Amino acid sequence: MKILSTVIFTIILVCGLNIGHSFASNSTELKETANTPGYQPKDGIVPDAITAIAIAVAVWTPVYGKGKIASERPYNATLKDGRWTITGSLPKGWAGGVATAVILKENGQVEKIYHTK
């Protein structure tokens, strides 16, 4: 009897998950098309250094690790020719490299990331 109850429970659970999954995927389909205009803020998608740094940290972290990136605070961001260049920093007198990212101000595209030596 215990085995039968377990089998029935498992079947109900699996069927319920499949129904829920099917419903969720149908209800979240994107209805936008290539003709749907996007919003373009007048100051660009990355209007300031705070936003640029947040994006850089988000893309650095999975590559270099949370601890490594946190150890390179404070971060510096400079804007030149529509591109944000974001770098980590080292304590005064330390030798080594820092994480760097280049991000387009207009659309937020990450052009490149690298770590200097």
PDB file of N, CA and C in Angstrom:
ATOM      1  N   MET A   1       0.826  -1.187   0.000  1.00  0.00           N
ATOM      2  CA  MET A   1       0.000   0.000   0.000  1.00  0.00           C
ATOM      3  C   MET A   1       0.872   1.254   0.000  1.00  0.00           C
ATOM      4  N   LYS A   2       1.957   1.259   0.773  1.00  0.00           N
ATOM      5  CA  LYS A   2       2.853   2.400   0.859  1.00  0.00           C
ATOM      6  C   LYS A   2       3.523   2.647  -0.489  1.00  0.00           C
ATOM      7  N   ILE A   3       3.927   1.571  -1.173  1.00  0.00           N
ATOM      8  CA  ILE A   3       4.571   1.696  -2.484  1.00  0.00           C
ATOM      9  C   ILE A   3       3.576   2.261  -3.489  1.00  0.00           C
ATOM     10  N   LEU A   4       2.352   1.791  -3.480  1.00  0.00           N
ATOM     11  CA  LEU A   4       1.319   2.273  -4.398  1.00  0.00           C
ATOM     12  C   LEU A   4       1.051   3.755  -4.174  1.00  0.00           C
ATOM     13  N   SER A   5       0.992   4.179  -2.942  1.00  0.00           N
ATOM     14  CA  SER A   5       0.782   5.594  -2.627  1.00  0.00           C
ATOM     15  C   SER A   5       1.928   6.446  -3.148  1.00  0.00           C
ATOM     16  N   THR A   6       3.144   5.942  -2.993  1.00  0.00           N
ATOM     17  CA  THR A   6       4.323   6.661  -3.474  1.00  0.00           C
ATOM     18  C   THR A   6       4.298   6.789  -4.985  1.00  0.00           C
ATOM     19  N   VAL A   7       3.935   5.711  -5.682  1.00  0.00           N
ATOM     20  CA  VAL A   7       3.855   5.729  -7.152  1.00  0.00           C
ATOM     21  C   VAL A   7       2.794   6.721  -7.606  1.00  0.00           C
ATOM     22  N   ILE A   8       1.626   6.701  -7.006  1.00  0.00           N
ATOM     23  CA  ILE A   8       0.538   7.614  -7.377  1.00  0.00           C
ATOM     24  C   ILE A   8       0.953   9.057  -7.114  1.00  0.00           C
ATOM     25  N   PHE A   9       1.558   9.313  -5.985  1.00  0.00           N
ATOM     26  CA  PHE A   9       2.022  10.661  -5.657  1.00  0.00           C
ATOM     27  C   PHE A   9       3.038  11.149  -6.685  1.00  0.00           C
ATOM     28  N   THR A  10       3.972  10.276  -7.069  1.00  0.00           N
ATOM     29  CA  THR A  10       4.996  10.635  -8.055  1.00  0.00           C
ATOM     30  C   THR A  10       4.355  10.959  -9.400  1.00  0.00           C
ATOM     31  N   ILE A  11       3.397  10.165  -9.833  1.00  0.00           N
ATOM     32  CA  ILE A  11       2.710  10.406 -11.106  1.00  0.00           C
ATOM     33  C   ILE A  11       1.977  11.747 -11.068  1.00  0.00           C
ATOM     34  N   ILE A  12       1.297  12.026  -9.999  1.00  0.00           N
ATOM     35  CA  ILE A  12       0.569  13.295  -9.869  1.00  0.00           C
ATOM     36  C   ILE A  12       1.550  14.459  -9.874  1.00  0.00           C
ATOM     37  N   LEU A  13       2.644  14.312  -9.176  1.00  0.00           N
ATOM     38  CA  LEU A  13       3.650  15.369  -9.106  1.00  0.00           C
ATOM     39  C   LEU A  13       4.247  15.636 -10.479  1.00  0.00           C
ATOM     40  N   VAL A  14       4.641  14.588 -11.191  1.00  0.00           N
ATOM     41  CA  VAL A  14       5.244  14.751 -12.515  1.00  0.00           C
ATOM     42  C   VAL A  14       4.249  15.364 -13.495  1.00  0.00           C
ATOM     43  N   CYS A  15       3.022  14.888 -13.494  1.00  0.00           N
ATOM     44  CA  CYS A  15       1.995  15.454 -14.383  1.00  0.00           C
ATOM     45  C   CYS A  15       1.737  16.914 -14.044  1.00  0.00           C
ATOM     46  N   GLY A  16       1.687  17.226 -12.778  1.00  0.00           N
ATOM     47  CA  GLY A  16       1.466  18.609 -12.363  1.00  0.00           C
ATOM     48  C   GLY A  16       2.585  19.521 -12.804  1.00  0.00           C
ATOM     49  N   LEU A  17       3.817  19.053 -12.711  1.00  0.00           N
ATOM     50  CA  LEU A  17       4.958  19.860 -13.143  1.00  0.00           C
ATOM     51  C   LEU A  17       4.925  20.088 -14.640  1.00  0.00           C
ATOM     52  N   ASN A  18       4.567  19.061 -15.408  1.00  0.00           N
ATOM     53  CA  ASN A  18       4.506  19.211 -16.858  1.00  0.00           C
ATOM     54  C   ASN A  18       3.420  20.183 -17.270  1.00  0.00           C
ATOM     55  N   ILE A  19       2.280  20.120 -16.620  1.00  0.00           N
ATOM     56  CA  ILE A  19       1.199  21.052 -16.942  1.00  0.00           C
ATOM     57  C   ILE A  19       1.611  22.464 -16.582  1.00  0.00           C
ATOM     58  N   GLY A  20       2.173  22.650 -15.405  1.00  0.00           N
ATOM     59  CA  GLY A  20       2.625  23.968 -14.986  1.00  0.00           C
ATOM     60  C   GLY A  20       3.697  24.521 -15.898  1.00  0.00           C
ATOM     61  N   HIS A  21       4.641  23.684 -16.310  1.00  0.00           N
ATOM     62  CA  HIS A  21       5.720  24.117 -17.195  1.00  0.00           C
ATOM     63  C   HIS A  21       5.154  24.538 -18.547  1.00  0.00           C
ATOM     64  N   SER A  22       4.241  23.743 -19.063  1.00  0.00           N
ATOM     65  CA  SER A  22       3.634  24.057 -20.356  1.00  0.00           C
ATOM     66  C   SER A  22       2.879  25.379 -20.291  1.00  0.00           C
ATOM     67  N   PHE A  23       2.137  25.583 -19.221  1.00  0.00           N
ATOM     68  CA  PHE A  23       1.385  26.815 -19.065  1.00  0.00           C
ATOM     69  C   PHE A  23       2.309  28.003 -18.945  1.00  0.00           C
ATOM     70  N   ALA A  24       3.373  27.865 -18.154  1.00  0.00           N
ATOM     71  CA  ALA A  24       4.299  28.975 -17.940  1.00  0.00           C
ATOM     72  C   ALA A  24       4.996  29.361 -19.235  1.00  0.00           C
ATOM     73  N   SER A  25       5.434  28.390 -20.021  1.00  0.00           N
ATOM     74  CA  SER A  25       6.156  28.738 -21.234  1.00  0.00           C
ATOM     75  C   SER A  25       5.229  29.380 -22.262  1.00  0.00           C
ATOM     76  N   ASN A  26       3.949  28.977 -22.295  1.00  0.00           N
ATOM     77  CA  ASN A  26       3.019  29.597 -23.239  1.00  0.00           C
ATOM     78  C   ASN A  26       2.653  31.014 -22.827  1.00  0.00           C
ATOM     79  N   SER A  27       2.587  31.264 -21.541  1.00  0.00           N
ATOM     80  CA  SER A  27       2.146  32.572 -21.082  1.00  0.00           C
ATOM     81  C   SER A  27       3.261  33.607 -21.095  1.00  0.00           C
ATOM     82  N   THR A  28       4.509  33.198 -21.251  1.00  0.00           N
ATOM     83  CA  THR A  28       5.603  34.155 -21.218  1.00  0.00           C
ATOM     84  C   THR A  28       6.248  34.377 -22.579  1.00  0.00           C
ATOM     85  N   GLU A  29       5.623  33.869 -23.639  1.00  0.00           N
ATOM     86  CA  GLU A  29       6.183  34.080 -24.967  1.00  0.00           C
ATOM     87  C   GLU A  29       6.196  35.564 -25.295  1.00  0.00           C
ATOM     88  N   LEU A  30       7.271  36.003 -25.923  1.00  0.00           N
ATOM     89  CA  LEU A  30       7.369  37.403 -26.310  1.00  0.00           C
ATOM     90  C   LEU A  30       6.489  37.670 -27.518  1.00  0.00           C
ATOM     91  N   LYS A  31       5.786  38.762 -27.454  1.00  0.00           N
ATOM     92  CA  LYS A  31       4.909  39.110 -28.559  1.00  0.00           C
ATOM     93  C   LYS A  31       5.481  40.268 -29.379  1.00  0.00           C
ATOM     94  N   GLU A  32       6.645  40.766 -28.990  1.00  0.00           N
ATOM     95  CA  GLU A  32       7.257  41.855 -29.727  1.00  0.00           C
ATOM     96  C   GLU A  32       7.786  41.347 -31.056  1.00  0.00           C
ATOM     97  N   THR A  33       7.914  42.255 -31.978  1.00  0.00           N
ATOM     98  CA  THR A  33       8.475  41.910 -33.278  1.00  0.00           C
ATOM     99  C   THR A  33       9.610  42.876 -33.592  1.00  0.00           C
ATOM    100  N   ALA A  34      10.226  42.657 -34.714  1.00  0.00           N
ATOM    101  CA  ALA A  34      11.309  43.547 -35.133  1.00  0.00           C
ATOM    102  C   ALA A  34      10.792  44.962 -35.365  1.00  0.00           C
ATOM    103  N   ASN A  35       9.501  45.121 -35.558  1.00  0.00           N
ATOM    104  CA  ASN A  35       8.914  46.444 -35.813  1.00  0.00           C
ATOM    105  C   ASN A  35       8.584  47.218 -34.540  1.00  0.00           C
ATOM    106  N   THR A  36       8.725  46.580 -33.378  1.00  0.00           N
ATOM    107  CA  THR A  36       8.427  47.256 -32.124  1.00  0.00           C
ATOM    108  C   THR A  36       9.576  48.204 -31.791  1.00  0.00           C
ATOM    109  N   PRO A  37       9.283  49.492 -31.659  1.00  0.00           N
ATOM    110  CA  PRO A  37      10.366  50.431 -31.354  1.00  0.00           C
ATOM    111  C   PRO A  37      10.824  50.252 -29.905  1.00  0.00           C
ATOM    112  N   GLY A  38      12.111  50.414 -29.683  1.00  0.00           N
ATOM    113  CA  GLY A  38      12.647  50.360 -28.324  1.00  0.00           C
ATOM    114  C   GLY A  38      12.764  51.775 -27.779  1.00  0.00           C
ATOM    115  N   TYR A  39      12.884  51.862 -26.490  1.00  0.00           N
ATOM    116  CA  TYR A  39      13.033  53.166 -25.848  1.00  0.00           C
ATOM    117  C   TYR A  39      14.502  53.538 -25.823  1.00  0.00           C
ATOM    118  N   GLN A  40      14.818  54.724 -26.285  1.00  0.00           N
ATOM    119  CA  GLN A  40      16.190  55.213 -26.273  1.00  0.00           C
ATOM    120  C   GLN A  40      16.243  56.497 -25.445  1.00  0.00           C
ATOM    121  N   PRO A  41      16.750  56.420 -24.205  1.00  0.00           N
ATOM    122  CA  PRO A  41      16.868  57.634 -23.397  1.00  0.00           C
ATOM    123  C   PRO A  41      17.781  58.648 -24.076  1.00  0.00           C
ATOM    124  N   LYS A  42      17.493  59.923 -23.883  1.00  0.00           N
ATOM    125  CA  LYS A  42      18.283  60.966 -24.557  1.00  0.00           C
ATOM    126  C   LYS A  42      19.747  60.950 -24.127  1.00  0.00           C
ATOM    127  N   ASP A  43      20.028  60.488 -22.903  1.00  0.00           N
ATOM    128  CA  ASP A  43      21.405  60.423 -22.416  1.00  0.00           C
ATOM    129  C   ASP A  43      22.033  59.053 -22.627  1.00  0.00           C
ATOM    130  N   GLY A  44      21.365  58.169 -23.385  1.00  0.00           N
ATOM    131  CA  GLY A  44      21.882  56.833 -23.644  1.00  0.00           C
ATOM    132  C   GLY A  44      21.448  55.840 -22.581  1.00  0.00           C
ATOM    133  N   ILE A  45      21.636  54.578 -22.888  1.00  0.00           N
ATOM    134  CA  ILE A  45      21.278  53.506 -21.960  1.00  0.00           C
ATOM    135  C   ILE A  45      22.190  53.530 -20.728  1.00  0.00           C
ATOM    136  N   VAL A  46      23.427  53.990 -20.906  1.00  0.00           N
ATOM    137  CA  VAL A  46      24.397  54.070 -19.803  1.00  0.00           C
ATOM    138  C   VAL A  46      24.754  55.544 -19.613  1.00  0.00           C
ATOM    139  N   PRO A  47      23.890  56.295 -18.915  1.00  0.00           N
ATOM    140  CA  PRO A  47      24.052  57.744 -18.857  1.00  0.00           C
ATOM    141  C   PRO A  47      25.136  58.251 -17.903  1.00  0.00           C
ATOM    142  N   ASP A  48      25.554  57.399 -16.950  1.00  0.00           N
ATOM    143  CA  ASP A  48      26.481  57.900 -15.929  1.00  0.00           C
ATOM    144  C   ASP A  48      27.458  56.811 -15.476  1.00  0.00           C
ATOM    145  N   ALA A  49      28.444  57.252 -14.718  1.00  0.00           N
ATOM    146  CA  ALA A  49      29.494  56.350 -14.247  1.00  0.00           C
ATOM    147  C   ALA A  49      28.945  55.254 -13.335  1.00  0.00           C
ATOM    148  N   ILE A  50      27.958  55.558 -12.519  1.00  0.00           N
ATOM    149  CA  ILE A  50      27.390  54.556 -11.606  1.00  0.00           C
ATOM    150  C   ILE A  50      26.805  53.393 -12.386  1.00  0.00           C
ATOM    151  N   THR A  51      26.071  53.700 -13.454  1.00  0.00           N
ATOM    152  CA  THR A  51      25.479  52.653 -14.288  1.00  0.00           C
ATOM    153  C   THR A  51      26.567  51.865 -15.002  1.00  0.00           C
ATOM    154  N   ALA A  52      27.564  52.554 -15.539  1.00  0.00           N
ATOM    155  CA  ALA A  52      28.668  51.887 -16.236  1.00  0.00           C
ATOM    156  C   ALA A  52      29.390  50.920 -15.305  1.00  0.00           C
ATOM    157  N   ILE A  53      29.654  51.345 -14.084  1.00  0.00           N
ATOM    158  CA  ILE A  53      30.348  50.496 -13.109  1.00  0.00           C
ATOM    159  C   ILE A  53      29.497  49.280 -12.762  1.00  0.00           C
ATOM    160  N   ALA A  54      28.195  49.477 -12.576  1.00  0.00           N
ATOM    161  CA  ALA A  54      27.305  48.353 -12.247  1.00  0.00           C
ATOM    162  C   ALA A  54      27.322  47.297 -13.356  1.00  0.00           C
ATOM    163  N   ILE A  55      27.307  47.735 -14.605  1.00  0.00           N
ATOM    164  CA  ILE A  55      27.359  46.794 -15.725  1.00  0.00           C
ATOM    165  C   ILE A  55      28.705  46.075 -15.740  1.00  0.00           C
ATOM    166  N   ALA A  56      29.784  46.823 -15.567  1.00  0.00           N
ATOM    167  CA  ALA A  56      31.117  46.220 -15.579  1.00  0.00           C
ATOM    168  C   ALA A  56      31.252  45.156 -14.491  1.00  0.00           C
ATOM    169  N   VAL A  57      30.828  45.467 -13.287  1.00  0.00           N
ATOM    170  CA  VAL A  57      30.921  44.500 -12.183  1.00  0.00           C
ATOM    171  C   VAL A  57      30.089  43.260 -12.506  1.00  0.00           C
ATOM    172  N   ALA A  58      28.915  43.462 -13.113  1.00  0.00           N
ATOM    173  CA  ALA A  58      28.054  42.330 -13.465  1.00  0.00           C
ATOM    174  C   ALA A  58      28.707  41.403 -14.484  1.00  0.00           C
ATOM    175  N   VAL A  59      29.463  41.943 -15.421  1.00  0.00           N
ATOM    176  CA  VAL A  59      30.102  41.073 -16.413  1.00  0.00           C
ATOM    177  C   VAL A  59      31.464  40.559 -15.957  1.00  0.00           C
ATOM    178  N   TRP A  60      32.144  41.286 -15.102  1.00  0.00           N
ATOM    179  CA  TRP A  60      33.429  40.806 -14.572  1.00  0.00           C
ATOM    180  C   TRP A  60      33.261  39.636 -13.616  1.00  0.00           C
ATOM    181  N   THR A  61      32.270  39.726 -12.746  1.00  0.00           N
ATOM    182  CA  THR A  61      32.124  38.775 -11.639  1.00  0.00           C
ATOM    183  C   THR A  61      32.108  37.311 -12.074  1.00  0.00           C
ATOM    184  N   PRO A  62      31.297  36.907 -13.070  1.00  0.00           N
ATOM    185  CA  PRO A  62      31.323  35.486 -13.446  1.00  0.00           C
ATOM    186  C   PRO A  62      32.640  35.055 -14.094  1.00  0.00           C
ATOM    187  N   VAL A  63      33.377  36.004 -14.640  1.00  0.00           N
ATOM    188  CA  VAL A  63      34.629  35.682 -15.321  1.00  0.00           C
ATOM    189  C   VAL A  63      35.803  35.605 -14.337  1.00  0.00           C
ATOM    190  N   TYR A  64      35.930  36.623 -13.495  1.00  0.00           N
ATOM    191  CA  TYR A  64      37.095  36.729 -12.619  1.00  0.00           C
ATOM    192  C   TYR A  64      36.821  36.335 -11.173  1.00  0.00           C
ATOM    193  N   GLY A  65      35.568  36.224 -10.800  1.00  0.00           N
ATOM    194  CA  GLY A  65      35.206  35.839  -9.441  1.00  0.00           C
ATOM    195  C   GLY A  65      34.844  37.034  -8.577  1.00  0.00           C
ATOM    196  N   LYS A  66      33.883  36.816  -7.703  1.00  0.00           N
ATOM    197  CA  LYS A  66      33.369  37.884  -6.836  1.00  0.00           C
ATOM    198  C   LYS A  66      34.456  38.477  -5.936  1.00  0.00           C
ATOM    199  N   GLY A  67      35.270  37.617  -5.352  1.00  0.00           N
ATOM    200  CA  GLY A  67      36.317  38.089  -4.441  1.00  0.00           C
ATOM    201  C   GLY A  67      37.364  38.937  -5.144  1.00  0.00           C
ATOM    202  N   LYS A  68      37.793  38.493  -6.310  1.00  0.00           N
ATOM    203  CA  LYS A  68      38.802  39.228  -7.078  1.00  0.00           C
ATOM    204  C   LYS A  68      38.274  40.614  -7.449  1.00  0.00           C
ATOM    205  N   ILE A  69      37.051  40.667  -7.952  1.00  0.00           N
ATOM    206  CA  ILE A  69      36.477  41.950  -8.375  1.00  0.00           C
ATOM    207  C   ILE A  69      36.236  42.853  -7.172  1.00  0.00           C
ATOM    208  N   ALA A  70      35.757  42.317  -6.079  1.00  0.00           N
ATOM    209  CA  ALA A  70      35.534  43.121  -4.872  1.00  0.00           C
ATOM    210  C   ALA A  70      36.847  43.700  -4.350  1.00  0.00           C
ATOM    211  N   SER A  71      37.945  42.959  -4.525  1.00  0.00           N
ATOM    212  CA  SER A  71      39.236  43.431  -4.032  1.00  0.00           C
ATOM    213  C   SER A  71      39.795  44.591  -4.855  1.00  0.00           C
ATOM    214  N   GLU A  72      39.187  44.861  -6.002  1.00  0.00           N
ATOM    215  CA  GLU A  72      39.668  45.934  -6.871  1.00  0.00           C
ATOM    216  C   GLU A  72      38.879  47.240  -6.721  1.00  0.00           C
ATOM    217  N   ARG A  73      38.087  47.339  -5.647  1.00  0.00           N
ATOM    218  CA  ARG A  73      37.391  48.591  -5.363  1.00  0.00           C
ATOM    219  C   ARG A  73      38.403  49.622  -4.911  1.00  0.00           C
ATOM    220  N   PRO A  74      38.195  50.877  -5.105  1.00  0.00           N
ATOM    221  CA  PRO A  74      37.101  51.492  -5.850  1.00  0.00           C
ATOM    222  C   PRO A  74      37.326  51.360  -7.363  1.00  0.00           C
ATOM    223  N   TYR A  75      36.217  51.438  -8.102  1.00  0.00           N
ATOM    224  CA  TYR A  75      36.261  51.355  -9.553  1.00  0.00           C
ATOM    225  C   TYR A  75      36.259  52.767 -10.126  1.00  0.00           C
ATOM    226  N   ASN A  76      36.867  52.909 -11.283  1.00  0.00           N
ATOM    227  CA  ASN A  76      36.933  54.203 -11.952  1.00  0.00           C
ATOM    228  C   ASN A  76      36.258  54.086 -13.309  1.00  0.00           C
ATOM    229  N   ALA A  77      35.490  55.104 -13.682  1.00  0.00           N
ATOM    230  CA  ALA A  77      34.828  55.110 -14.984  1.00  0.00           C
ATOM    231  C   ALA A  77      35.085  56.446 -15.665  1.00  0.00           C
ATOM    232  N   THR A  78      35.527  56.372 -16.918  1.00  0.00           N
ATOM    233  CA  THR A  78      35.734  57.582 -17.710  1.00  0.00           C
ATOM    234  C   THR A  78      35.009  57.435 -19.031  1.00  0.00           C
ATOM    235  N   LEU A  79      34.462  58.549 -19.506  1.00  0.00           N
ATOM    236  CA  LEU A  79      33.713  58.565 -20.758  1.00  0.00           C
ATOM    237  C   LEU A  79      34.522  59.315 -21.804  1.00  0.00           C
ATOM    238  N   LYS A  80      34.726  58.665 -22.945  1.00  0.00           N
ATOM    239  CA  LYS A  80      35.433  59.305 -24.049  1.00  0.00           C
ATOM    240  C   LYS A  80      34.877  58.745 -25.355  1.00  0.00           C
ATOM    241  N   ASP A  81      34.491  59.648 -26.255  1.00  0.00           N
ATOM    242  CA  ASP A  81      33.973  59.260 -27.571  1.00  0.00           C
ATOM    243  C   ASP A  81      32.821  58.259 -27.488  1.00  0.00           C
ATOM    244  N   GLY A  82      31.919  58.454 -26.529  1.00  0.00           N
ATOM    245  CA  GLY A  82      30.739  57.599 -26.413  1.00  0.00           C
ATOM    246  C   GLY A  82      31.001  56.227 -25.814  1.00  0.00           C
ATOM    247  N   ARG A  83      32.184  56.020 -25.243  1.00  0.00           N
ATOM    248  CA  ARG A  83      32.542  54.739 -24.633  1.00  0.00           C
ATOM    249  C   ARG A  83      32.974  54.961 -23.183  1.00  0.00           C
ATOM    250  N   TRP A  84      32.378  54.174 -22.322  1.00  0.00           N
ATOM    251  CA  TRP A  84      32.805  54.157 -20.929  1.00  0.00           C
ATOM    252  C   TRP A  84      33.946  53.160 -20.791  1.00  0.00           C
ATOM    253  N   THR A  85      35.034  53.563 -20.161  1.00  0.00           N
ATOM    254  CA  THR A  85      36.113  52.644 -19.806  1.00  0.00           C
ATOM    255  C   THR A  85      36.112  52.552 -18.290  1.00  0.00           C
ATOM    256  N   ILE A  86      35.882  51.340 -17.795  1.00  0.00           N
ATOM    257  CA  ILE A  86      35.781  51.118 -16.360  1.00  0.00           C
ATOM    258  C   ILE A  86      36.949  50.240 -15.945  1.00  0.00           C
ATOM    259  N   THR A  87      37.631  50.632 -14.874  1.00  0.00           N
ATOM    260  CA  THR A  87      38.759  49.855 -14.370  1.00  0.00           C
ATOM    261  C   THR A  87      38.643  49.679 -12.868  1.00  0.00           C
ATOM    262  N   GLY A  88      39.222  48.611 -12.403  1.00  0.00           N
ATOM    263  CA  GLY A  88      39.380  48.427 -10.974  1.00  0.00           C
ATOM    264  C   GLY A  88      40.591  49.231 -10.524  1.00  0.00           C
ATOM    265  N   SER A  89      40.934  49.147  -9.268  1.00  0.00           N
ATOM    266  CA  SER A  89      42.121  49.842  -8.770  1.00  0.00           C
ATOM    267  C   SER A  89      42.852  48.948  -7.784  1.00  0.00           C
ATOM    268  N   LEU A  90      44.103  49.275  -7.577  1.00  0.00           N
ATOM    269  CA  LEU A  90      44.935  48.551  -6.619  1.00  0.00           C
ATOM    270  C   LEU A  90      45.330  49.498  -5.490  1.00  0.00           C
ATOM    271  N   PRO A  91      45.567  48.961  -4.314  1.00  0.00           N
ATOM    272  CA  PRO A  91      46.062  49.822  -3.236  1.00  0.00           C
ATOM    273  C   PRO A  91      47.378  50.479  -3.645  1.00  0.00           C
ATOM    274  N   LYS A  92      47.609  51.660  -3.141  1.00  0.00           N
ATOM    275  CA  LYS A  92      48.817  52.423  -3.479  1.00  0.00           C
ATOM    276  C   LYS A  92      50.075  51.587  -3.198  1.00  0.00           C
ATOM    277  N   GLY A  93      50.960  51.553  -4.186  1.00  0.00           N
ATOM    278  CA  GLY A  93      52.206  50.836  -4.036  1.00  0.00           C
ATOM    279  C   GLY A  93      52.141  49.368  -4.437  1.00  0.00           C
ATOM    280  N   TRP A  94      50.966  48.847  -4.701  1.00  0.00           N
ATOM    281  CA  TRP A  94      50.838  47.446  -5.104  1.00  0.00           C
ATOM    282  C   TRP A  94      51.108  47.310  -6.594  1.00  0.00           C
ATOM    283  N   ALA A  95      51.749  46.230  -6.980  1.00  0.00           N
ATOM    284  CA  ALA A  95      51.963  45.919  -8.388  1.00  0.00           C
ATOM    285  C   ALA A  95      50.906  44.907  -8.821  1.00  0.00           C
ATOM    286  N   GLY A  96      50.551  44.946 -10.082  1.00  0.00           N
ATOM    287  CA  GLY A  96      49.567  43.986 -10.585  1.00  0.00           C
ATOM    288  C   GLY A  96      48.620  44.638 -11.554  1.00  0.00           C
ATOM    289  N   GLY A  97      47.621  43.904 -11.975  1.00  0.00           N
ATOM    290  CA  GLY A  97      46.677  44.399 -12.956  1.00  0.00           C
ATOM    291  C   GLY A  97      45.277  44.522 -12.382  1.00  0.00           C
ATOM    292  N   VAL A  98      44.417  45.098 -13.196  1.00  0.00           N
ATOM    293  CA  VAL A  98      43.031  45.316 -12.777  1.00  0.00           C
ATOM    294  C   VAL A  98      42.083  44.922 -13.905  1.00  0.00           C
ATOM    295  N   ALA A  99      40.854  44.633 -13.538  1.00  0.00           N
ATOM    296  CA  ALA A  99      39.810  44.348 -14.512  1.00  0.00           C
ATOM    297  C   ALA A  99      39.481  45.636 -15.263  1.00  0.00           C
ATOM    298  N   THR A 100      39.196  45.479 -16.554  1.00  0.00           N
ATOM    299  CA  THR A 100      38.836  46.615 -17.392  1.00  0.00           C
ATOM    300  C   THR A 100      37.655  46.215 -18.268  1.00  0.00           C
ATOM    301  N   ALA A 101      36.744  47.146 -18.493  1.00  0.00           N
ATOM    302  CA  ALA A 101      35.615  46.930 -19.395  1.00  0.00           C
ATOM    303  C   ALA A 101      35.422  48.180 -20.232  1.00  0.00           C
ATOM    304  N   VAL A 102      34.994  47.985 -21.476  1.00  0.00           N
ATOM    305  CA  VAL A 102      34.638  49.089 -22.357  1.00  0.00           C
ATOM    306  C   VAL A 102      33.185  48.874 -22.766  1.00  0.00           C
ATOM    307  N   ILE A 103      32.347  49.882 -22.467  1.00  0.00           N
ATOM    308  CA  ILE A 103      30.895  49.776 -22.663  1.00  0.00           C
ATOM    309  C   ILE A 103      30.401  50.985 -23.445  1.00  0.00           C
ATOM    310  N   LEU A 104      29.553  50.751 -24.450  1.00  0.00           N
ATOM    311  CA  LEU A 104      28.991  51.845 -25.227  1.00  0.00           C
ATOM    312  C   LEU A 104      27.913  52.573 -24.439  1.00  0.00           C
ATOM    313  N   LYS A 105      28.020  53.895 -24.382  1.00  0.00           N
ATOM    314  CA  LYS A 105      27.065  54.730 -23.653  1.00  0.00           C
ATOM    315  C   LYS A 105      25.675  54.656 -24.283  1.00  0.00           C
ATOM    316  N   GLU A 106      25.612  54.663 -25.599  1.00  0.00           N
ATOM    317  CA  GLU A 106      24.332  54.722 -26.311  1.00  0.00           C
ATOM    318  C   GLU A 106      23.436  53.518 -26.050  1.00  0.00           C
ATOM    319  N   ASN A 107      24.018  52.305 -26.127  1.00  0.00           N
ATOM    320  CA  ASN A 107      23.163  51.118 -26.052  1.00  0.00           C
ATOM    321  C   ASN A 107      23.566  50.096 -24.987  1.00  0.00           C
ATOM    322  N   GLY A 108      24.632  50.352 -24.239  1.00  0.00           N
ATOM    323  CA  GLY A 108      25.039  49.445 -23.172  1.00  0.00           C
ATOM    324  C   GLY A 108      25.812  48.222 -23.635  1.00  0.00           C
ATOM    325  N   GLN A 109      26.146  48.149 -24.906  1.00  0.00           N
ATOM    326  CA  GLN A 109      26.905  47.005 -25.409  1.00  0.00           C
ATOM    327  C   GLN A 109      28.275  46.951 -24.748  1.00  0.00           C
ATOM    328  N   VAL A 110      28.628  45.763 -24.266  1.00  0.00           N
ATOM    329  CA  VAL A 110      29.944  45.571 -23.687  1.00  0.00           C
ATOM    330  C   VAL A 110      30.872  45.205 -24.852  1.00  0.00           C
ATOM    331  N   GLU A 111      31.757  46.133 -25.202  1.00  0.00           N
ATOM    332  CA  GLU A 111      32.666  45.885 -26.319  1.00  0.00           C
ATOM    333  C   GLU A 111      33.735  44.869 -25.967  1.00  0.00           C
ATOM    334  N   LYS A 112      34.295  45.013 -24.749  1.00  0.00           N
ATOM    335  CA  LYS A 112      35.321  44.064 -24.338  1.00  0.00           C
ATOM    336  C   LYS A 112      35.548  44.156 -22.838  1.00  0.00           C
ATOM    337  N   ILE A 113      36.037  43.053 -22.294  1.00  0.00           N
ATOM    338  CA  ILE A 113      36.537  43.032 -20.923  1.00  0.00           C
ATOM    339  C   ILE A 113      37.892  42.339 -20.963  1.00  0.00           C
ATOM    340  N   TYR A 114      38.764  42.735 -20.064  1.00  0.00           N
ATOM    341  CA  TYR A 114      40.056  42.074 -19.939  1.00  0.00           C
ATOM    342  C   TYR A 114      40.638  42.403 -18.579  1.00  0.00           C
ATOM    343  N   HIS A 115      41.685  41.686 -18.225  1.00  0.00           N
ATOM    344  CA  HIS A 115      42.372  41.930 -16.960  1.00  0.00           C
ATOM    345  C   HIS A 115      43.833  42.180 -17.272  1.00  0.00           C
ATOM    346  N   THR A 116      44.333  43.335 -16.853  1.00  0.00           N
ATOM    347  CA  THR A 116      45.738  43.650 -17.095  1.00  0.00           C
ATOM    348  C   THR A 116      46.609  42.861 -16.127  1.00  0.00           C
ATOM    349  N   LYS A 117      47.900  42.849 -16.401  1.00  0.00           N
ATOM    350  CA  LYS A 117      48.818  42.073 -15.556  1.00  0.00           C
ATOM    351  C   LYS A 117      49.707  42.958 -14.741  1.00  0.00           C
TER     352      LYS A 117
END
